[in-house]
């Protein structure tokens, strides 16, 4: 996912954010959709992409970064939503947009 700051293309931003977040690069970034982060308060938009054909491209992380990459099956991720283990709005919106391409 990437946010639009008005002067950077969403795909370029998503590619950079993906690399920064999980040390992987994608050969294919397929746009899934977008949404406002805080309608009525901000015009900031979140763009959601499906990354395919990932390959490792490790980067040094900031000293204060604490990111754990967890690989889940699609069914496990949806089960975690149903169990209330995944509940942040950005992830839920991204998963909802992905249903069109990935199915349930």
N, C-alpha and C. Protein backbone atom coordinates (compact mmCIF):
# COMPACT_ATOMS: atom_id res chain seq x y z
N UNK A 1 0.84 -1.17 0.00
CA UNK A 1 0.00 0.00 0.00
C UNK A 1 0.88 1.23 0.00
N UNK A 2 0.38 2.28 -0.57
CA UNK A 2 1.12 3.53 -0.59
C UNK A 2 0.17 4.70 -0.50
N UNK A 3 0.63 5.79 0.07
CA UNK A 3 -0.21 6.98 0.15
C UNK A 3 0.24 7.99 -0.88
N UNK A 4 -0.72 8.76 -1.38
CA UNK A 4 -0.45 9.76 -2.41
C UNK A 4 -0.12 11.09 -1.74
N UNK A 5 1.04 11.58 -1.99
CA UNK A 5 1.44 12.88 -1.44
C UNK A 5 1.38 13.96 -2.51
N UNK A 6 0.73 13.65 -3.62
CA UNK A 6 0.48 14.66 -4.64
C UNK A 6 1.58 14.82 -5.67
N UNK A 7 2.80 14.45 -5.36
CA UNK A 7 3.88 14.68 -6.32
C UNK A 7 4.64 13.39 -6.68
N UNK A 8 4.17 12.26 -6.20
CA UNK A 8 4.83 10.98 -6.49
C UNK A 8 3.77 10.03 -7.01
N UNK A 9 4.05 9.37 -8.12
CA UNK A 9 3.10 8.40 -8.65
C UNK A 9 2.86 7.27 -7.66
N UNK A 10 1.63 6.79 -7.60
CA UNK A 10 1.26 5.75 -6.64
C UNK A 10 2.08 4.47 -6.83
N UNK A 11 2.34 4.08 -8.07
CA UNK A 11 3.09 2.85 -8.31
C UNK A 11 4.52 3.00 -7.81
N UNK A 12 5.14 4.13 -8.09
CA UNK A 12 6.51 4.37 -7.63
C UNK A 12 6.56 4.36 -6.11
N UNK A 13 5.61 5.01 -5.49
CA UNK A 13 5.56 5.05 -4.03
C UNK A 13 5.32 3.66 -3.46
N UNK A 14 4.41 2.91 -4.04
CA UNK A 14 4.12 1.56 -3.55
C UNK A 14 5.34 0.66 -3.69
N UNK A 15 6.04 0.77 -4.79
CA UNK A 15 7.23 -0.04 -5.00
C UNK A 15 8.28 0.28 -3.93
N UNK A 16 8.48 1.53 -3.65
CA UNK A 16 9.45 1.93 -2.63
C UNK A 16 9.03 1.51 -1.25
N UNK A 17 7.74 1.67 -0.92
CA UNK A 17 7.24 1.30 0.40
C UNK A 17 7.31 -0.21 0.58
N UNK A 18 6.97 -0.95 -0.45
CA UNK A 18 7.06 -2.41 -0.35
C UNK A 18 8.47 -2.86 -0.04
N UNK A 19 9.41 -2.28 -0.72
CA UNK A 19 10.81 -2.62 -0.48
C UNK A 19 11.21 -2.26 0.94
N UNK A 20 10.79 -1.13 1.38
CA UNK A 20 11.17 -0.65 2.71
C UNK A 20 10.54 -1.49 3.81
N UNK A 21 9.31 -1.94 3.59
CA UNK A 21 8.58 -2.63 4.64
C UNK A 21 9.01 -4.08 4.81
N UNK A 22 9.27 -4.79 3.72
CA UNK A 22 9.50 -6.23 3.90
C UNK A 22 10.74 -6.76 3.20
N UNK A 23 11.56 -5.90 2.68
CA UNK A 23 12.81 -6.30 2.03
C UNK A 23 12.61 -7.19 0.82
N UNK A 24 11.44 -7.15 0.22
CA UNK A 24 11.18 -7.87 -1.03
C UNK A 24 10.82 -6.86 -2.11
N UNK A 25 11.12 -7.23 -3.34
CA UNK A 25 10.66 -6.47 -4.49
C UNK A 25 9.69 -7.35 -5.27
N UNK A 26 8.80 -6.72 -6.00
CA UNK A 26 7.83 -7.45 -6.81
C UNK A 26 8.14 -7.23 -8.28
N UNK A 27 8.07 -8.30 -9.06
CA UNK A 27 8.22 -8.16 -10.50
C UNK A 27 6.96 -7.55 -11.10
N UNK A 28 5.81 -7.76 -10.44
CA UNK A 28 4.54 -7.25 -10.93
C UNK A 28 3.79 -6.57 -9.78
N UNK A 29 3.36 -5.33 -9.98
CA UNK A 29 2.48 -4.62 -9.05
C UNK A 29 1.17 -4.36 -9.77
N UNK A 30 0.11 -4.99 -9.31
CA UNK A 30 -1.21 -4.85 -9.92
C UNK A 30 -2.07 -3.95 -9.04
N UNK A 31 -2.52 -2.79 -9.55
CA UNK A 31 -3.35 -1.89 -8.73
C UNK A 31 -4.71 -2.53 -8.43
N UNK A 32 -5.11 -2.49 -7.14
CA UNK A 32 -6.39 -3.05 -6.72
C UNK A 32 -7.44 -1.98 -6.47
N UNK A 33 -7.02 -0.79 -6.09
CA UNK A 33 -7.97 0.28 -5.81
C UNK A 33 -7.37 1.29 -4.85
N UNK A 34 -8.20 2.21 -4.41
CA UNK A 34 -7.73 3.24 -3.50
C UNK A 34 -8.87 3.69 -2.61
N UNK A 35 -8.53 4.39 -1.51
CA UNK A 35 -9.54 4.91 -0.60
C UNK A 35 -8.94 6.07 0.18
N UNK A 36 -9.81 6.91 0.74
CA UNK A 36 -9.37 8.01 1.58
C UNK A 36 -9.06 7.47 2.97
N UNK A 37 -7.98 7.96 3.57
CA UNK A 37 -7.61 7.52 4.91
C UNK A 37 -8.51 8.11 5.98
N UNK A 38 -8.91 9.35 5.84
CA UNK A 38 -9.76 10.02 6.83
C UNK A 38 -10.70 10.98 6.12
N UNK A 39 -11.76 10.44 5.49
CA UNK A 39 -12.68 11.30 4.74
C UNK A 39 -13.25 12.41 5.62
N UNK A 40 -13.34 13.60 5.06
CA UNK A 40 -13.86 14.74 5.79
C UNK A 40 -12.81 15.44 6.64
N UNK A 41 -11.69 14.79 6.83
CA UNK A 41 -10.61 15.36 7.64
C UNK A 41 -9.38 15.62 6.78
N UNK A 42 -9.10 14.69 5.87
CA UNK A 42 -7.89 14.76 5.05
C UNK A 42 -8.21 14.29 3.64
N UNK A 43 -7.43 14.77 2.69
CA UNK A 43 -7.58 14.30 1.31
C UNK A 43 -6.54 13.23 0.97
N UNK A 44 -5.82 12.75 1.97
CA UNK A 44 -4.80 11.73 1.74
C UNK A 44 -5.47 10.42 1.31
N UNK A 45 -4.93 9.84 0.24
CA UNK A 45 -5.48 8.59 -0.30
C UNK A 45 -4.48 7.45 -0.09
N UNK A 46 -5.02 6.27 0.07
CA UNK A 46 -4.22 5.04 0.17
C UNK A 46 -4.47 4.25 -1.10
N UNK A 47 -3.40 3.84 -1.76
CA UNK A 47 -3.49 3.03 -2.97
C UNK A 47 -3.04 1.62 -2.62
N UNK A 48 -3.82 0.64 -3.04
CA UNK A 48 -3.56 -0.76 -2.70
C UNK A 48 -3.13 -1.50 -3.95
N UNK A 49 -2.05 -2.29 -3.81
CA UNK A 49 -1.52 -3.07 -4.93
C UNK A 49 -1.37 -4.52 -4.52
N UNK A 50 -1.54 -5.40 -5.48
CA UNK A 50 -1.23 -6.81 -5.30
C UNK A 50 0.16 -7.03 -5.88
N UNK A 51 1.09 -7.42 -5.03
CA UNK A 51 2.47 -7.67 -5.47
C UNK A 51 2.62 -9.14 -5.81
N UNK A 52 3.12 -9.42 -6.98
CA UNK A 52 3.31 -10.81 -7.42
C UNK A 52 4.77 -11.03 -7.79
N UNK A 53 5.16 -12.29 -7.77
CA UNK A 53 6.52 -12.69 -8.14
C UNK A 53 7.55 -11.93 -7.30
N UNK A 54 7.43 -12.07 -5.98
CA UNK A 54 8.35 -11.40 -5.07
C UNK A 54 9.72 -12.08 -5.08
N UNK A 55 10.73 -11.29 -4.89
CA UNK A 55 12.07 -11.82 -4.74
C UNK A 55 12.81 -10.99 -3.69
N UNK A 56 13.72 -11.61 -2.94
CA UNK A 56 14.40 -10.90 -1.86
C UNK A 56 15.29 -9.78 -2.38
N UNK A 57 15.24 -8.66 -1.69
CA UNK A 57 16.10 -7.51 -1.98
C UNK A 57 16.36 -6.82 -0.65
N UNK A 58 17.13 -7.45 0.23
CA UNK A 58 17.29 -6.93 1.59
C UNK A 58 17.91 -5.55 1.63
N UNK A 59 17.37 -4.75 2.54
CA UNK A 59 17.88 -3.41 2.81
C UNK A 59 18.18 -3.31 4.30
N UNK A 60 19.07 -2.40 4.64
CA UNK A 60 19.30 -2.14 6.05
C UNK A 60 18.09 -1.42 6.62
N UNK A 61 17.69 -1.84 7.80
CA UNK A 61 16.56 -1.20 8.46
C UNK A 61 17.04 -0.13 9.41
N UNK A 62 16.15 0.80 9.72
CA UNK A 62 16.45 1.81 10.73
C UNK A 62 16.61 1.11 12.07
N UNK A 63 17.39 1.70 12.96
CA UNK A 63 17.64 1.10 14.27
C UNK A 63 16.35 0.88 15.05
N UNK A 64 15.38 1.76 14.90
CA UNK A 64 14.14 1.66 15.68
C UNK A 64 13.03 0.88 14.98
N UNK A 65 13.31 0.31 13.80
CA UNK A 65 12.30 -0.45 13.08
C UNK A 65 12.10 -1.81 13.70
N UNK A 66 10.85 -2.15 13.93
CA UNK A 66 10.48 -3.46 14.47
C UNK A 66 9.37 -4.02 13.58
N UNK A 67 9.76 -4.61 12.47
CA UNK A 67 8.79 -5.15 11.53
C UNK A 67 9.01 -6.65 11.43
N UNK A 68 7.93 -7.39 11.62
CA UNK A 68 7.98 -8.83 11.48
C UNK A 68 7.13 -9.22 10.28
N UNK A 69 7.73 -9.87 9.31
CA UNK A 69 7.01 -10.32 8.14
C UNK A 69 6.46 -11.71 8.44
N UNK A 70 5.15 -11.87 8.26
CA UNK A 70 4.50 -13.15 8.51
C UNK A 70 3.78 -13.55 7.23
N UNK A 71 4.13 -14.69 6.69
CA UNK A 71 3.47 -15.17 5.48
C UNK A 71 2.28 -16.04 5.89
N UNK A 72 1.11 -15.70 5.33
CA UNK A 72 -0.14 -16.40 5.64
C UNK A 72 -0.79 -16.87 4.35
N UNK A 73 -1.53 -17.97 4.47
CA UNK A 73 -2.38 -18.35 3.35
C UNK A 73 -3.57 -17.39 3.34
N UNK A 74 -4.23 -17.32 2.22
CA UNK A 74 -5.39 -16.47 2.09
C UNK A 74 -6.46 -16.86 3.12
N UNK A 75 -6.73 -18.15 3.25
CA UNK A 75 -7.76 -18.60 4.18
C UNK A 75 -7.39 -18.30 5.63
N UNK A 76 -6.12 -18.42 5.97
CA UNK A 76 -5.67 -18.10 7.33
C UNK A 76 -5.85 -16.61 7.61
N UNK A 77 -5.53 -15.76 6.65
CA UNK A 77 -5.70 -14.31 6.85
C UNK A 77 -7.16 -13.97 7.08
N UNK A 78 -8.07 -14.53 6.29
CA UNK A 78 -9.49 -14.24 6.48
C UNK A 78 -10.00 -14.80 7.80
N UNK A 79 -9.49 -15.94 8.20
CA UNK A 79 -9.86 -16.52 9.51
C UNK A 79 -9.41 -15.59 10.64
N UNK A 80 -8.21 -15.01 10.49
CA UNK A 80 -7.72 -14.07 11.51
C UNK A 80 -8.59 -12.82 11.59
N UNK A 81 -9.15 -12.38 10.46
CA UNK A 81 -10.09 -11.25 10.49
C UNK A 81 -11.33 -11.66 11.28
N UNK A 82 -11.87 -12.82 10.96
CA UNK A 82 -13.08 -13.30 11.64
C UNK A 82 -12.85 -13.48 13.14
N UNK A 83 -11.64 -13.83 13.54
CA UNK A 83 -11.31 -14.03 14.95
C UNK A 83 -10.92 -12.73 15.65
N UNK A 84 -10.89 -11.62 14.90
CA UNK A 84 -10.53 -10.34 15.49
C UNK A 84 -9.04 -10.15 15.72
N UNK A 85 -8.22 -10.96 15.05
CA UNK A 85 -6.77 -10.85 15.20
C UNK A 85 -6.16 -9.87 14.20
N UNK A 86 -6.85 -9.64 13.11
CA UNK A 86 -6.48 -8.59 12.15
C UNK A 86 -7.63 -7.60 12.18
N UNK A 87 -7.34 -6.35 12.59
CA UNK A 87 -8.43 -5.40 12.76
C UNK A 87 -8.10 -3.96 12.37
N UNK A 88 -6.91 -3.73 11.82
CA UNK A 88 -6.60 -2.35 11.43
C UNK A 88 -7.25 -2.03 10.09
N UNK A 89 -7.72 -0.81 9.95
CA UNK A 89 -8.52 -0.39 8.81
C UNK A 89 -7.80 -0.54 7.47
N UNK A 90 -6.52 -0.21 7.42
CA UNK A 90 -5.79 -0.29 6.15
C UNK A 90 -5.69 -1.73 5.66
N UNK A 91 -5.40 -2.65 6.56
CA UNK A 91 -5.29 -4.06 6.18
C UNK A 91 -6.65 -4.60 5.75
N UNK A 92 -7.70 -4.29 6.51
CA UNK A 92 -9.04 -4.76 6.17
C UNK A 92 -9.49 -4.24 4.81
N UNK A 93 -9.25 -2.96 4.54
CA UNK A 93 -9.63 -2.39 3.24
C UNK A 93 -8.82 -3.05 2.12
N UNK A 94 -7.54 -3.27 2.34
CA UNK A 94 -6.71 -3.93 1.33
C UNK A 94 -7.17 -5.34 1.05
N UNK A 95 -7.53 -6.07 2.10
CA UNK A 95 -8.02 -7.44 1.91
C UNK A 95 -9.35 -7.44 1.16
N UNK A 96 -10.22 -6.50 1.48
CA UNK A 96 -11.49 -6.41 0.79
C UNK A 96 -11.29 -6.13 -0.69
N UNK A 97 -10.38 -5.22 -1.03
CA UNK A 97 -10.08 -4.93 -2.44
C UNK A 97 -9.47 -6.14 -3.14
N UNK A 98 -8.70 -6.93 -2.42
CA UNK A 98 -8.03 -8.09 -3.02
C UNK A 98 -8.99 -9.23 -3.36
N UNK A 99 -10.16 -9.26 -2.72
CA UNK A 99 -11.11 -10.35 -2.96
C UNK A 99 -11.47 -10.45 -4.44
N UNK A 100 -11.58 -9.29 -5.12
CA UNK A 100 -11.93 -9.31 -6.54
C UNK A 100 -10.93 -10.10 -7.36
N UNK A 101 -9.65 -9.98 -7.03
CA UNK A 101 -8.60 -10.65 -7.81
C UNK A 101 -8.26 -12.03 -7.28
N UNK A 102 -8.34 -12.20 -5.98
CA UNK A 102 -7.90 -13.45 -5.36
C UNK A 102 -9.05 -14.37 -4.99
N UNK A 103 -10.25 -13.84 -4.88
CA UNK A 103 -11.37 -14.61 -4.38
C UNK A 103 -11.27 -14.72 -2.86
N UNK A 104 -12.24 -15.33 -2.26
CA UNK A 104 -12.26 -15.46 -0.78
C UNK A 104 -11.45 -16.63 -0.35
